[in-house]
Amino acid sequence: MQSAHALLGGATADHRTSPKGKPLRTPKVTDIVVTPVAVLDPPLLNASGVHQPYQLRAVIELHTDTGITGLGEAYGDDPTLANLRAAAPALVGLSVFDLNGLATRVAEALGAVDAVGMTDLIGAASREKSVAQTVGALEVACYDAQGKATGLRVCDLLGGAVREAVPFSAYLFYRWAHHPEGAAPEGYPADDWGAALDPEGIVAQARRMVDTYGFRSLKLKGGVFEPEAEAEAIEALRAAFPDHPLRLDPNANWSVETSKRIAPRLEGLLEYLEDPTGGNPGMAEVARATSLPLATNMCVTSFAEIPEAAALDSVKIVLTDHHYWGGFRASMRLAGICETFGWGLSMHSNTHLGISLAAMTHLAAAVPGLTYACDTHSPWQREEVVRPGALVWSEGSLAVPQQPGLGVELDRDALERLHKQYLDCGVRSRDDRVGMVLADPAWERRTPRF
């Protein structure tokens, strides 16, 4: 069996002995393959513009000397790929249980890496975050390998499941029916959701998601239209779904004064208001002007940003995300800090595939304090890299996969097809401005807009 030291992330010996004297080998990394993929994405509107026709992900295969392969998933933009590929050779020979060694080797391999953010919707870029994103992606693959080596699920390696089904929230977006002319190639397959540009469209979208997935809470991505119009959409959702907790996320696209004006109208309607304005000082000023709990995944996105938030009392709920907080262990650390300050904990989502969704589910299953339903883009997803059957929706929740590790299996045919789609589509970084400028050449990104 693995020693307690190894399971806590320390170094491991090459060979151990079971109680019956049978030698056990600790898997060591022999190679890491990073495959970028592009997946179809609908024209979802947000504070930065509109989603491009393709979103980028990276699939990580961590091979070991025991024949076990651990899976991970990350963002697929050029800076993320460069960091993953720079760090990968440094991990050869590392035990998959040596997570402290993983963090050290990645930091050394990246050196003075440039601070490049995948999107401005998850806060300011920093070197700390660039390293954390790389560690987090590779750590997930190590945990998957650990689980396959021990026969344990990832949630059990993280301390055990406190819930066997993880609730998620419907993620509602204002959206167009089609990408603007010139954004997508000829023959690009549109979806059948249609446009949602007013309260009626948002309610119809919510109804379809609730009927299809059974979601029991609803989140609207705001910061797109005049705040009063988005407040009307929340009021329409409350009338249509009187028992569903509601959330609104303007992605810091409201000024402090606008936030202070609109927040009282939303009191009694929202479970929480997420990032109405930018930065901890601004959020703190809004917090003093409303009884609504304020949540964030923009002004608290790294450990360095926590002291200011605590000192200013700017937030009551933090949305973790193992992709940019630094992996599972960092997210568990964050959960403990949130408990110390009496903050609630939820989970952020970006466009993802099944490897990430499985990782999110295992993490949420193992964190007692994560009591708010998690975000997910799954209803908008039309392509996948994992084989079906492991991730099953029921009443708005995902059952924790029961197989060892993450419990998902890579679909190699799908991986090959989506990698070819990456090579052909020409998108190499996320830029939500592109489609907006095609639709309206005079459009400019302004923060805050309202």
Protein backbone atom coordinates (compact mmCIF):
# COMPACT_ATOMS: atom_id res chain seq x y z
CA MET A 1 0.00 0.00 0.00
CA GLN A 2 1.08 3.61 -0.43
CA SER A 3 2.43 5.20 2.73
CA ALA A 4 0.61 8.05 4.44
CA HIS A 5 3.55 10.25 3.42
CA ALA A 6 3.00 9.39 -0.22
CA LEU A 7 -0.75 9.99 -0.09
CA LEU A 8 -0.13 13.42 1.41
CA GLY A 9 1.90 14.37 -1.64
CA GLY A 10 5.41 13.49 -0.53
CA ALA A 11 8.17 11.49 -2.15
CA THR A 12 7.77 7.74 -2.60
CA ALA A 13 10.11 4.82 -2.88
CA ASP A 14 10.34 2.81 -6.10
CA HIS A 15 9.04 -0.40 -4.59
CA ARG A 16 6.86 -1.27 -1.62
CA THR A 17 5.62 -4.51 -0.16
CA SER A 18 2.00 -5.51 0.42
CA PRO A 19 0.97 -7.28 3.63
CA LYS A 20 1.37 -10.59 1.73
CA GLY A 21 4.87 -9.70 0.61
CA LYS A 22 3.96 -9.00 -3.02
CA PRO A 23 6.04 -6.15 -4.47
CA LEU A 24 4.05 -3.07 -5.46
CA ARG A 25 5.37 -0.50 -7.90
CA THR A 26 4.69 3.18 -7.60
CA PRO A 27 3.86 4.51 -11.08
CA LYS A 28 6.43 6.96 -12.41
CA VAL A 29 5.92 9.37 -15.27
CA THR A 30 7.50 8.30 -18.55
CA ASP A 31 5.83 10.72 -20.96
CA ILE A 32 3.12 13.37 -21.13
CA VAL A 33 1.18 13.91 -24.34
CA VAL A 34 -0.79 17.15 -24.72
CA THR A 35 -3.35 17.18 -27.53
CA PRO A 36 -5.19 20.44 -28.33
CA VAL A 37 -8.76 20.11 -29.53
CA ALA A 38 -11.43 22.51 -30.77
CA VAL A 39 -15.11 21.99 -29.96
CA LEU A 40 -18.21 23.59 -31.41
CA ASP A 41 -19.49 26.47 -29.29
CA PRO A 42 -22.71 28.50 -29.69
CA PRO A 43 -22.88 32.31 -29.93
CA LEU A 44 -23.24 32.96 -26.21
CA LEU A 45 -23.09 36.65 -25.24
CA ASN A 46 -21.16 37.98 -22.26
CA ALA A 47 -19.43 41.08 -20.96
CA SER A 48 -16.46 40.56 -23.30
CA GLY A 49 -18.49 39.95 -26.46
CA VAL A 50 -19.66 36.63 -27.87
CA HIS A 51 -18.24 33.11 -27.90
CA GLN A 52 -16.36 32.14 -31.04
CA PRO A 53 -17.58 29.18 -33.12
CA TYR A 54 -14.87 27.04 -31.56
CA GLN A 55 -13.57 26.82 -28.01
CA LEU A 56 -10.17 25.32 -27.28
CA ARG A 57 -9.30 22.58 -24.79
CA ALA A 58 -6.22 20.45 -24.21
CA VAL A 59 -6.36 16.74 -23.38
CA ILE A 60 -3.49 15.48 -21.23
CA GLU A 61 -2.33 11.87 -21.21
CA LEU A 62 0.21 11.15 -18.47
CA HIS A 63 1.89 7.81 -19.22
CA THR A 64 3.70 5.79 -16.55
CA ASP A 65 6.15 2.89 -16.33
CA THR A 66 3.40 0.60 -15.01
CA GLY A 67 1.23 1.02 -18.10
CA ILE A 68 -1.25 3.29 -16.32
CA THR A 69 -2.27 6.49 -18.08
CA GLY A 70 -3.75 9.40 -16.15
CA LEU A 71 -6.06 11.85 -17.91
CA GLY A 72 -6.32 15.61 -17.47
CA GLU A 73 -7.90 18.53 -19.31
CA ALA A 74 -6.92 22.18 -19.55
CA TYR A 75 -7.54 25.30 -21.58
CA GLY A 76 -6.22 24.93 -25.12
CA ASP A 77 -4.95 28.41 -26.00
CA ASP A 78 -1.36 28.88 -27.16
CA PRO A 79 0.08 30.17 -23.83
CA THR A 80 -1.47 27.29 -21.87
CA LEU A 81 -0.17 24.74 -24.39
CA ALA A 82 3.31 26.29 -24.25
CA ASN A 83 3.37 26.07 -20.45
CA LEU A 84 2.17 22.47 -20.41
CA ARG A 85 4.75 21.44 -22.99
CA ALA A 86 7.52 23.27 -21.16
CA ALA A 87 6.67 21.55 -17.88
CA ALA A 88 6.04 18.04 -19.22
CA PRO A 89 9.68 16.92 -19.72
CA ALA A 90 10.54 17.97 -16.16
CA LEU A 91 8.09 15.42 -14.77
CA VAL A 92 9.67 12.34 -16.34
CA GLY A 93 10.69 9.98 -13.54
CA LEU A 94 8.37 11.59 -10.98
CA SER A 95 6.09 9.40 -8.90
CA VAL A 96 2.43 10.18 -9.58
CA PHE A 97 2.03 10.43 -5.79
CA ASP A 98 4.73 13.10 -5.42
CA LEU A 99 2.50 16.13 -5.83
CA ASN A 100 4.84 18.41 -3.91
CA GLY A 101 7.56 17.42 -6.35
CA LEU A 102 5.15 18.10 -9.19
CA ALA A 103 4.55 21.68 -8.01
CA THR A 104 8.27 22.31 -7.54
CA ARG A 105 9.28 20.92 -10.90
CA VAL A 106 6.59 22.83 -12.77
CA ALA A 107 7.55 26.14 -11.12
CA GLU A 108 11.22 25.57 -11.95
CA ALA A 109 10.48 24.52 -15.53
CA LEU A 110 8.33 27.57 -16.23
CA GLY A 111 10.77 30.01 -14.65
CA ALA A 112 9.77 33.63 -15.28
CA VAL A 113 6.82 32.66 -17.46
CA ASP A 114 4.81 35.51 -18.89
CA ALA A 115 1.52 36.23 -17.16
CA VAL A 116 -1.05 35.57 -19.88
CA GLY A 117 -4.73 35.10 -19.10
CA MET A 118 -7.04 32.82 -21.07
CA THR A 119 -9.92 35.26 -20.61
CA ASP A 120 -10.52 38.50 -18.74
CA LEU A 121 -13.64 36.93 -17.25
CA ILE A 122 -11.62 35.19 -14.51
CA GLY A 123 -9.63 38.12 -13.20
CA ALA A 124 -6.23 39.61 -13.92
CA ALA A 125 -3.37 37.46 -15.21
CA SER A 126 -0.27 36.80 -13.09
CA ARG A 127 2.76 34.50 -13.05
CA GLU A 128 1.31 32.82 -9.97
CA LYS A 129 -1.84 31.95 -11.89
CA SER A 130 0.10 30.73 -14.94
CA VAL A 131 2.06 28.31 -12.76
CA ALA A 132 -1.06 27.27 -10.86
CA GLN A 133 -2.96 26.53 -14.08
CA THR A 134 -0.15 24.27 -15.26
CA VAL A 135 0.18 22.49 -11.91
CA GLY A 136 -3.58 22.01 -11.71
CA ALA A 137 -3.87 20.41 -15.13
CA LEU A 138 -1.04 17.96 -14.49
CA GLU A 139 -2.13 17.25 -10.92
CA VAL A 140 -5.53 16.01 -12.14
CA ALA A 141 -3.77 13.53 -14.42
CA CYS A 142 -1.63 12.37 -11.49
CA TYR A 143 -4.72 11.82 -9.34
CA ASP A 144 -6.36 9.85 -12.13
CA ALA A 145 -3.25 7.65 -12.29
CA GLN A 146 -3.20 7.32 -8.49
CA GLY A 147 -6.78 6.11 -8.53
CA LYS A 148 -6.10 3.57 -11.25
CA ALA A 149 -3.04 2.32 -9.33
CA THR A 150 -4.91 1.93 -6.03
CA GLY A 151 -8.40 1.07 -7.24
CA LEU A 152 -9.76 4.19 -5.55
CA ARG A 153 -11.88 7.01 -6.94
CA VAL A 154 -10.36 10.51 -6.97
CA CYS A 155 -12.92 11.73 -4.43
CA ASP A 156 -11.79 8.96 -2.08
CA LEU A 157 -8.16 10.01 -2.49
CA LEU A 158 -9.27 13.55 -1.61
CA GLY A 159 -10.73 12.42 1.70
CA GLY A 160 -13.92 10.63 0.77
CA ALA A 161 -17.22 11.59 -0.78
CA VAL A 162 -19.51 13.64 1.45
CA ARG A 163 -22.11 13.47 -1.33
CA GLU A 164 -22.54 10.85 -4.05
CA ALA A 165 -24.45 13.20 -6.33
CA VAL A 166 -23.25 16.75 -7.04
CA PRO A 167 -25.88 19.44 -7.81
CA PHE A 168 -25.21 21.78 -10.73
CA SER A 169 -26.94 24.98 -11.83
CA ALA A 170 -28.42 25.69 -15.24
CA TYR A 171 -26.18 28.25 -16.97
CA LEU A 172 -28.37 30.67 -18.91
CA PHE A 173 -26.97 33.00 -21.56
CA TYR A 174 -28.26 35.75 -23.74
CA ARG A 175 -27.43 34.46 -27.18
CA TRP A 176 -27.91 34.78 -30.90
CA ALA A 177 -29.44 32.03 -33.02
CA HIS A 178 -26.36 31.92 -35.26
CA HIS A 179 -22.79 33.13 -35.30
CA PRO A 180 -22.40 36.35 -37.29
CA GLU A 181 -21.54 36.12 -40.96
CA GLY A 182 -17.83 35.57 -41.43
CA ALA A 183 -17.23 34.09 -37.98
CA ALA A 184 -17.87 30.43 -38.81
CA PRO A 185 -16.82 28.45 -41.88
CA GLU A 186 -19.30 27.39 -44.53
CA GLY A 187 -21.30 24.38 -43.39
CA TYR A 188 -20.79 25.09 -39.69
CA PRO A 189 -23.59 23.20 -37.85
CA ALA A 190 -25.85 25.55 -35.91
CA ASP A 191 -27.71 24.28 -32.84
CA ASP A 192 -31.47 24.36 -32.29
CA TRP A 193 -31.65 26.60 -29.21
CA GLY A 194 -32.48 29.76 -31.13
CA ALA A 195 -32.01 33.32 -29.92
CA ALA A 196 -32.55 34.49 -26.34
CA LEU A 197 -32.39 38.28 -26.18
CA ASP A 198 -35.19 39.23 -23.79
CA PRO A 199 -36.86 37.92 -20.61
CA GLU A 200 -39.18 35.65 -22.58
CA GLY A 201 -36.25 34.07 -24.40
CA ILE A 202 -34.34 33.52 -21.17
CA VAL A 203 -37.35 31.90 -19.48
CA ALA A 204 -37.84 29.60 -22.47
CA GLN A 205 -34.16 28.63 -22.35
CA ALA A 206 -34.42 27.93 -18.63
CA ARG A 207 -37.54 25.84 -19.14
CA ARG A 208 -35.77 23.63 -21.67
CA MET A 209 -32.76 23.16 -19.39
CA VAL A 210 -34.91 22.32 -16.37
CA ASP A 211 -37.06 19.91 -18.38
CA THR A 212 -34.01 18.22 -19.93
CA TYR A 213 -31.61 18.06 -16.99
CA GLY A 214 -33.76 18.69 -13.93
CA PHE A 215 -31.67 21.65 -12.74
CA ARG A 216 -32.87 23.03 -9.41
CA SER A 217 -31.08 26.37 -9.55
CA LEU A 218 -30.57 28.90 -12.36
CA LYS A 219 -27.74 31.27 -13.21
CA LEU A 220 -27.92 34.06 -15.80
CA LYS A 221 -24.77 35.41 -17.42
CA GLY A 222 -25.32 39.16 -17.42
CA GLY A 223 -23.30 42.23 -18.25
CA VAL A 224 -24.69 42.14 -21.81
CA PHE A 225 -27.72 44.47 -21.85
CA GLU A 226 -28.80 47.43 -19.77
CA PRO A 227 -28.90 46.35 -16.10
CA GLU A 228 -32.59 47.18 -15.85
CA ALA A 229 -33.31 44.74 -18.70
CA GLU A 230 -31.33 42.02 -16.95
CA ALA A 231 -33.21 42.72 -13.72
CA GLU A 232 -36.43 42.21 -15.68
CA ALA A 233 -35.13 38.83 -16.83
CA ILE A 234 -34.45 37.84 -13.21
CA GLU A 235 -37.95 38.92 -12.25
CA ALA A 236 -39.37 36.83 -15.11
CA LEU A 237 -37.33 33.82 -13.98
CA ARG A 238 -38.58 34.24 -10.43
CA ALA A 239 -42.18 34.30 -11.65
CA ALA A 240 -41.66 31.21 -13.82
CA PHE A 241 -39.55 29.28 -11.28
CA PRO A 242 -40.68 30.39 -7.82
CA ASP A 243 -38.73 27.69 -5.97
CA HIS A 244 -35.43 27.78 -7.88
CA PRO A 245 -32.49 29.71 -6.37
CA LEU A 246 -31.38 32.37 -8.88
CA ARG A 247 -28.00 33.96 -9.59
CA LEU A 248 -26.90 36.81 -11.83
CA ASP A 249 -23.32 37.35 -13.03
CA PRO A 250 -22.62 40.68 -14.81
CA ASN A 251 -18.87 39.84 -14.95
CA ALA A 252 -17.88 43.18 -13.43
CA ASN A 253 -19.50 45.07 -16.31
CA TRP A 254 -21.42 47.40 -13.97
CA SER A 255 -19.92 50.45 -12.30
CA VAL A 256 -20.10 50.72 -8.53
CA GLU A 257 -22.90 53.28 -8.80
CA THR A 258 -24.88 51.13 -11.22
CA SER A 259 -24.43 48.11 -8.95
CA LYS A 260 -25.65 50.10 -5.94
CA ARG A 261 -28.68 51.24 -7.93
CA ILE A 262 -29.68 47.82 -9.28
CA ALA A 263 -28.84 45.56 -6.32
CA PRO A 264 -31.79 46.69 -4.13
CA ARG A 265 -34.17 45.74 -6.94
CA LEU A 266 -32.75 42.22 -6.88
CA GLU A 267 -32.95 41.73 -3.12
CA GLY A 268 -35.25 38.87 -2.28
CA LEU A 269 -34.89 37.47 -5.80
CA LEU A 270 -31.29 36.24 -5.91
CA GLU A 271 -29.39 33.60 -4.01
CA TYR A 272 -26.32 35.72 -4.72
CA LEU A 273 -25.10 38.45 -7.06
CA GLU A 274 -21.80 37.51 -8.68
CA ASP A 275 -19.16 40.10 -9.60
CA PRO A 276 -21.44 43.05 -10.35
CA THR A 277 -18.40 45.34 -10.38
CA GLY A 278 -14.64 44.97 -10.57
CA GLY A 279 -12.05 44.67 -7.79
CA ASN A 280 -12.30 44.15 -4.07
CA PRO A 281 -12.64 47.86 -3.17
CA GLY A 282 -15.56 48.30 -5.56
CA MET A 283 -17.19 45.05 -4.47
CA ALA A 284 -16.86 46.11 -0.83
CA GLU A 285 -18.63 49.39 -1.53
CA VAL A 286 -21.48 47.53 -3.22
CA ALA A 287 -21.64 45.01 -0.37
CA ARG A 288 -22.22 47.83 2.11
CA ALA A 289 -25.15 49.07 0.04
CA THR A 290 -27.13 45.83 -0.28
CA SER A 291 -28.29 42.85 1.72
CA LEU A 292 -27.52 40.56 -1.25
CA PRO A 293 -24.55 38.22 -0.72
CA LEU A 294 -21.86 39.00 -3.28
CA ALA A 295 -19.98 36.13 -4.95
CA THR A 296 -16.84 36.22 -7.07
CA ASN A 297 -14.60 34.42 -9.49
CA MET A 298 -12.95 37.65 -10.62
CA CYS A 299 -11.62 39.56 -7.59
CA VAL A 300 -10.60 36.42 -5.64
CA THR A 301 -8.96 34.06 -8.11
CA SER A 302 -5.67 33.35 -6.32
CA PHE A 303 -4.41 33.07 -2.76
CA ALA A 304 -2.67 36.42 -3.08
CA GLU A 305 -6.04 38.15 -3.49
CA ILE A 306 -7.63 36.69 -0.36
CA PRO A 307 -6.18 39.07 2.28
CA GLU A 308 -7.61 42.17 0.60
CA ALA A 309 -11.03 40.54 0.22
CA ALA A 310 -11.06 39.52 3.87
CA ALA A 311 -9.92 42.95 5.07
CA LEU A 312 -12.53 44.79 2.99
CA ASP A 313 -15.32 42.24 3.52
CA SER A 314 -15.99 42.40 -0.21
CA VAL A 315 -17.44 38.91 -0.80
CA LYS A 316 -19.49 36.23 0.91
CA ILE A 317 -19.11 33.40 -1.65
CA VAL A 318 -16.05 32.36 -3.66
CA LEU A 319 -16.26 30.24 -6.81
CA THR A 320 -13.37 27.82 -6.97
CA ASP A 321 -12.06 26.30 -10.19
CA HIS A 322 -9.33 23.66 -10.07
CA HIS A 323 -8.14 24.74 -13.53
CA TYR A 324 -6.77 28.08 -12.36
CA TRP A 325 -6.54 27.75 -8.56
CA GLY A 326 -3.85 25.08 -8.93
CA GLY A 327 -5.65 21.75 -8.86
CA PHE A 328 -7.47 19.65 -6.32
CA ARG A 329 -5.23 20.25 -3.32
CA ALA A 330 -5.23 24.01 -3.84
CA SER A 331 -9.02 23.96 -4.07
CA MET A 332 -9.17 22.03 -0.79
CA ARG A 333 -6.91 24.68 0.72
CA LEU A 334 -9.25 27.38 -0.53
CA ALA A 335 -12.20 25.55 1.01
CA GLY A 336 -10.50 25.65 4.41
CA ILE A 337 -9.81 29.38 4.08
CA CYS A 338 -13.42 30.02 3.12
CA GLU A 339 -14.54 28.11 6.21
CA THR A 340 -12.23 30.24 8.36
CA PHE A 341 -13.75 33.49 7.06
CA GLY A 342 -17.31 32.18 6.98
CA TRP A 343 -17.47 32.41 3.20
CA GLY A 344 -19.64 30.12 1.11
CA LEU A 345 -18.13 28.08 -1.69
CA SER A 346 -19.38 27.30 -5.18
CA MET A 347 -17.64 26.24 -8.40
CA HIS A 348 -16.89 28.22 -11.57
CA SER A 349 -17.22 26.78 -15.06
CA ASN A 350 -15.84 27.56 -18.48
CA THR A 351 -16.46 25.61 -21.67
CA HIS A 352 -15.25 22.12 -20.80
CA LEU A 353 -15.32 18.47 -21.84
CA GLY A 354 -15.99 15.31 -19.86
CA ILE A 355 -12.55 14.95 -18.27
CA SER A 356 -12.94 18.34 -16.60
CA LEU A 357 -16.56 17.64 -15.70
CA ALA A 358 -15.53 14.41 -14.00
CA ALA A 359 -12.76 16.25 -12.14
CA MET A 360 -15.19 18.97 -11.03
CA THR A 361 -17.63 16.32 -9.80
CA HIS A 362 -15.03 14.42 -7.76
CA LEU A 363 -13.76 17.63 -6.19
CA ALA A 364 -17.23 18.90 -5.33
CA ALA A 365 -18.08 15.49 -3.87
CA ALA A 366 -15.12 15.67 -1.49
CA VAL A 367 -15.49 19.25 -0.17
CA PRO A 368 -18.00 19.46 2.71
CA GLY A 369 -18.24 23.26 2.52
CA LEU A 370 -19.12 23.38 -1.17
CA THR A 371 -22.84 23.74 -0.54
CA TYR A 372 -23.90 25.89 -3.50
CA ALA A 373 -24.74 24.15 -6.78
CA CYS A 374 -21.81 24.23 -9.20
CA ASP A 375 -21.75 26.00 -12.56
CA THR A 376 -21.50 23.94 -15.75
CA HIS A 377 -21.53 24.61 -19.50
CA SER A 378 -22.58 21.02 -20.21
CA PRO A 379 -25.99 21.87 -21.76
CA TRP A 380 -24.19 23.90 -24.44
CA GLN A 381 -21.75 21.09 -25.24
CA ARG A 382 -22.24 19.10 -28.46
CA GLU A 383 -18.93 17.25 -28.73
CA GLU A 384 -17.05 15.02 -26.31
CA VAL A 385 -13.73 13.20 -25.84
CA VAL A 386 -14.83 10.65 -23.23
CA ARG A 387 -16.90 7.54 -23.83
CA PRO A 388 -20.55 7.82 -22.78
CA GLY A 389 -22.00 6.24 -19.66
CA ALA A 390 -19.76 7.49 -16.85
CA LEU A 391 -21.41 10.89 -16.37
CA VAL A 392 -25.13 10.55 -15.80
CA TRP A 393 -27.49 13.49 -15.12
CA SER A 394 -30.42 13.06 -12.76
CA GLU A 395 -32.51 15.87 -11.23
CA GLY A 396 -29.85 18.46 -11.99
CA SER A 397 -27.06 16.47 -10.35
CA LEU A 398 -24.23 14.25 -11.53
CA ALA A 399 -23.59 10.96 -9.79
CA VAL A 400 -19.93 10.55 -8.86
CA PRO A 401 -18.33 8.08 -11.31
CA GLN A 402 -17.72 4.74 -9.64
CA GLN A 403 -14.67 3.49 -11.52
CA PRO A 404 -11.12 4.11 -10.20
CA GLY A 405 -9.53 7.51 -10.75
CA LEU A 406 -11.72 10.02 -12.54
CA GLY A 407 -13.85 7.15 -13.80
CA VAL A 408 -13.92 8.27 -17.45
CA GLU A 409 -12.35 6.69 -20.52
CA LEU A 410 -10.90 8.54 -23.49
CA ASP A 411 -12.63 8.13 -26.86
CA ARG A 412 -9.65 8.03 -29.23
CA ASP A 413 -11.70 8.45 -32.40
CA ALA A 414 -13.30 11.58 -30.96
CA LEU A 415 -9.93 12.89 -29.81
CA GLU A 416 -8.50 12.49 -33.28
CA ARG A 417 -11.49 14.18 -34.91
CA LEU A 418 -11.49 17.14 -32.50
CA HIS A 419 -7.72 17.55 -32.87
CA LYS A 420 -8.17 17.74 -36.63
CA GLN A 421 -10.91 20.31 -36.04
CA TYR A 422 -8.36 22.29 -34.00
CA LEU A 423 -5.82 22.15 -36.81
CA ASP A 424 -8.39 23.23 -39.39
CA CYS A 425 -10.31 25.96 -37.52
CA GLY A 426 -7.41 28.39 -37.12
CA VAL A 427 -8.46 29.57 -33.64
CA ARG A 428 -5.51 29.64 -31.25
CA SER A 429 -6.74 31.88 -28.42
CA ARG A 430 -10.06 32.99 -27.04
CA ASP A 431 -11.21 36.40 -28.27
CA ASP A 432 -14.88 37.17 -27.65
CA ARG A 433 -14.51 40.52 -29.43
CA VAL A 434 -14.17 38.99 -32.89
CA GLY A 435 -17.81 38.08 -33.41
CA MET A 436 -19.08 41.32 -31.92
CA VAL A 437 -17.00 43.40 -34.32
CA LEU A 438 -18.22 41.30 -37.25
CA ALA A 439 -21.81 41.99 -36.19
CA ASP A 440 -21.14 45.65 -35.39
CA PRO A 441 -17.82 47.16 -36.59
CA ALA A 442 -18.24 50.06 -34.16
CA TRP A 443 -18.44 47.77 -31.11
CA GLU A 444 -15.74 48.29 -28.48
CA ARG A 445 -15.01 46.43 -25.27
CA ARG A 446 -15.52 48.80 -22.34
CA THR A 447 -15.21 47.91 -18.66
CA PRO A 448 -17.49 48.73 -17.04
CA ARG A 449 -19.97 49.25 -19.85
CA PHE A 450 -22.91 50.23 -17.65
